């Protein structure tokens, strides 16, 4: 088997892996999500929608919709500012979860 055939199969597999399915919000909160076809819909408190890869819950994509009192996206801040705030919030949640987990062991 020549290299051309191997690369063709690799390219086909890569193309199949890149195919995404469109998920349109049934509650009409204004979002559409592209997700891998192998991800399944899961329930999680606070999440508007969450999809996880089977057997790898750490691989996920989700959306949380919270009402805000802003008129435009620019009032929210730069994408970098918003990403930093989101990361800070996630770190606080992880720290709290860790603290609560340790307290339960005592």
C-alpha atoms as a PDB file:
ATOM      1  CA  UNK A   1       0.000   0.000   0.000  1.00  0.00           C
ATOM      2  CA  UNK A   2       1.462   3.341  -1.033  1.00  0.00           C
ATOM      3  CA  UNK A   3       1.572   6.534   1.029  1.00  0.00           C
ATOM      4  CA  UNK A   4      -1.110   8.106  -1.145  1.00  0.00           C
ATOM      5  CA  UNK A   5      -3.620   5.516  -0.004  1.00  0.00           C
ATOM      6  CA  UNK A   6      -2.690   5.946   3.645  1.00  0.00           C
ATOM      7  CA  UNK A   7      -3.025   9.714   3.452  1.00  0.00           C
ATOM      8  CA  UNK A   8      -6.341   9.392   1.660  1.00  0.00           C
ATOM      9  CA  UNK A   9      -7.741   7.238   4.451  1.00  0.00           C
ATOM     10  CA  UNK A  10      -6.320   9.583   7.085  1.00  0.00           C
ATOM     11  CA  UNK A  11      -7.850  12.580   5.330  1.00  0.00           C
ATOM     12  CA  UNK A  12     -11.216  10.813   5.114  1.00  0.00           C
ATOM     13  CA  UNK A  13     -11.130   9.940   8.822  1.00  0.00           C
ATOM     14  CA  UNK A  14     -10.135  13.484   9.748  1.00  0.00           C
ATOM     15  CA  UNK A  15     -12.948  14.871   7.618  1.00  0.00           C
ATOM     16  CA  UNK A  16     -15.464  12.550   9.287  1.00  0.00           C
ATOM     17  CA  UNK A  17     -14.227  13.637  12.723  1.00  0.00           C
ATOM     18  CA  UNK A  18     -14.685  17.316  11.827  1.00  0.00           C
ATOM     19  CA  UNK A  19     -18.342  16.992  10.908  1.00  0.00           C
ATOM     20  CA  UNK A  20     -20.479  18.863  13.397  1.00  0.00           C
ATOM     21  CA  UNK A  21     -24.190  18.761  14.125  1.00  0.00           C
ATOM     22  CA  UNK A  22     -26.224  21.913  14.535  1.00  0.00           C
ATOM     23  CA  UNK A  23     -28.185  22.267  17.779  1.00  0.00           C
ATOM     24  CA  UNK A  24     -30.779  25.032  17.758  1.00  0.00           C
ATOM     25  CA  UNK A  25     -32.060  26.219  21.112  1.00  0.00           C
ATOM     26  CA  UNK A  26     -35.673  25.042  21.456  1.00  0.00           C
ATOM     27  CA  UNK A  27     -36.356  27.691  24.135  1.00  0.00           C
ATOM     28  CA  UNK A  28     -35.366  30.400  21.629  1.00  0.00           C
ATOM     29  CA  UNK A  29     -32.861  32.129  23.896  1.00  0.00           C
ATOM     30  CA  UNK A  30     -30.924  33.152  20.820  1.00  0.00           C
ATOM     31  CA  UNK A  31     -28.141  30.660  20.256  1.00  0.00           C
ATOM     32  CA  UNK A  32     -27.137  27.876  17.907  1.00  0.00           C
ATOM     33  CA  UNK A  33     -24.389  25.409  18.773  1.00  0.00           C
ATOM     34  CA  UNK A  34     -22.257  23.160  16.570  1.00  0.00           C
ATOM     35  CA  UNK A  35     -21.282  19.950  18.363  1.00  0.00           C
ATOM     36  CA  UNK A  36     -19.558  16.687  17.488  1.00  0.00           C
ATOM     37  CA  UNK A  37     -22.115  13.966  16.656  1.00  0.00           C
ATOM     38  CA  UNK A  38     -20.697  11.689  19.372  1.00  0.00           C
ATOM     39  CA  UNK A  39     -21.549  14.139  22.168  1.00  0.00           C
ATOM     40  CA  UNK A  40     -24.738  13.385  24.120  1.00  0.00           C
ATOM     41  CA  UNK A  41     -27.024  15.862  25.826  1.00  0.00           C
ATOM     42  CA  UNK A  42     -26.705  15.849  29.603  1.00  0.00           C
ATOM     43  CA  UNK A  43     -28.482  17.664  32.419  1.00  0.00           C
ATOM     44  CA  UNK A  44     -26.511  19.968  34.706  1.00  0.00           C
ATOM     45  CA  UNK A  45     -27.811  22.528  37.173  1.00  0.00           C
ATOM     46  CA  UNK A  46     -27.351  26.022  35.814  1.00  0.00           C
ATOM     47  CA  UNK A  47     -26.597  24.925  32.250  1.00  0.00           C
ATOM     48  CA  UNK A  48     -29.044  25.897  29.551  1.00  0.00           C
ATOM     49  CA  UNK A  49     -27.647  23.017  27.510  1.00  0.00           C
ATOM     50  CA  UNK A  50     -24.654  20.710  27.978  1.00  0.00           C
ATOM     51  CA  UNK A  51     -23.202  18.073  25.656  1.00  0.00           C
ATOM     52  CA  UNK A  52     -20.526  15.608  26.782  1.00  0.00           C
ATOM     53  CA  UNK A  53     -18.384  13.127  24.943  1.00  0.00           C
ATOM     54  CA  UNK A  54     -19.376   9.604  25.872  1.00  0.00           C
ATOM     55  CA  UNK A  55     -17.019   8.121  28.498  1.00  0.00           C
ATOM     56  CA  UNK A  56     -15.064  11.421  28.683  1.00  0.00           C
ATOM     57  CA  UNK A  57     -17.180  13.879  30.666  1.00  0.00           C
ATOM     58  CA  UNK A  58     -14.229  16.280  30.792  1.00  0.00           C
ATOM     59  CA  UNK A  59     -14.705  16.813  27.037  1.00  0.00           C
ATOM     60  CA  UNK A  60     -17.807  18.933  26.834  1.00  0.00           C
ATOM     61  CA  UNK A  61     -19.439  21.962  25.326  1.00  0.00           C
ATOM     62  CA  UNK A  62     -22.286  23.887  26.846  1.00  0.00           C
ATOM     63  CA  UNK A  63     -24.159  27.141  27.078  1.00  0.00           C
ATOM     64  CA  UNK A  64     -25.388  29.081  30.080  1.00  0.00           C
ATOM     65  CA  UNK A  65     -27.827  31.902  29.400  1.00  0.00           C
ATOM     66  CA  UNK A  66     -28.110  34.580  32.074  1.00  0.00           C
ATOM     67  CA  UNK A  67     -30.080  37.782  31.609  1.00  0.00           C
ATOM     68  CA  UNK A  68     -27.953  40.938  31.806  1.00  0.00           C
ATOM     69  CA  UNK A  69     -28.729  44.637  31.995  1.00  0.00           C
ATOM     70  CA  UNK A  70     -26.616  45.666  29.037  1.00  0.00           C
ATOM     71  CA  UNK A  71     -27.761  47.186  25.794  1.00  0.00           C
ATOM     72  CA  UNK A  72     -24.813  46.113  23.630  1.00  0.00           C
ATOM     73  CA  UNK A  73     -22.068  43.497  23.658  1.00  0.00           C
ATOM     74  CA  UNK A  74     -19.418  46.226  23.784  1.00  0.00           C
ATOM     75  CA  UNK A  75     -20.715  47.185  27.245  1.00  0.00           C
ATOM     76  CA  UNK A  76     -19.736  43.675  28.347  1.00  0.00           C
ATOM     77  CA  UNK A  77     -16.062  44.345  27.618  1.00  0.00           C
ATOM     78  CA  UNK A  78     -13.444  43.000  25.270  1.00  0.00           C
ATOM     79  CA  UNK A  79     -13.428  39.267  24.527  1.00  0.00           C
ATOM     80  CA  UNK A  80     -10.173  39.030  26.516  1.00  0.00           C
ATOM     81  CA  UNK A  81     -11.772  40.752  29.547  1.00  0.00           C
ATOM     82  CA  UNK A  82     -14.818  38.470  29.418  1.00  0.00           C
ATOM     83  CA  UNK A  83     -12.654  35.347  29.022  1.00  0.00           C
ATOM     84  CA  UNK A  84     -10.506  36.401  31.996  1.00  0.00           C
ATOM     85  CA  UNK A  85     -13.584  36.920  34.188  1.00  0.00           C
ATOM     86  CA  UNK A  86     -14.975  33.548  33.130  1.00  0.00           C
ATOM     87  CA  UNK A  87     -11.693  31.797  33.927  1.00  0.00           C
ATOM     88  CA  UNK A  88     -11.510  33.529  37.321  1.00  0.00           C
ATOM     89  CA  UNK A  89     -15.040  32.363  38.119  1.00  0.00           C
ATOM     90  CA  UNK A  90     -14.267  28.778  37.109  1.00  0.00           C
ATOM     91  CA  UNK A  91     -11.117  28.802  39.268  1.00  0.00           C
ATOM     92  CA  UNK A  92     -13.163  30.032  42.259  1.00  0.00           C
ATOM     93  CA  UNK A  93     -15.670  27.227  41.703  1.00  0.00           C
ATOM     94  CA  UNK A  94     -12.891  24.620  41.528  1.00  0.00           C
ATOM     95  CA  UNK A  95     -11.280  25.988  44.696  1.00  0.00           C
ATOM     96  CA  UNK A  96     -14.620  25.953  46.537  1.00  0.00           C
ATOM     97  CA  UNK A  97     -15.363  22.423  45.345  1.00  0.00           C
ATOM     98  CA  UNK A  98     -11.925  21.330  46.532  1.00  0.00           C
ATOM     99  CA  UNK A  99     -12.422  22.976  49.934  1.00  0.00           C
ATOM    100  CA  UNK A 100     -15.859  21.430  50.362  1.00  0.00           C
ATOM    101  CA  UNK A 101     -14.517  18.041  49.334  1.00  0.00           C
ATOM    102  CA  UNK A 102     -11.721  18.260  51.912  1.00  0.00           C
ATOM    103  CA  UNK A 103     -14.170  19.384  54.617  1.00  0.00           C
ATOM    104  CA  UNK A 104     -16.316  16.307  53.957  1.00  0.00           C
ATOM    105  CA  UNK A 105     -13.283  14.092  54.612  1.00  0.00           C
ATOM    106  CA  UNK A 106     -12.719  15.556  58.097  1.00  0.00           C
END
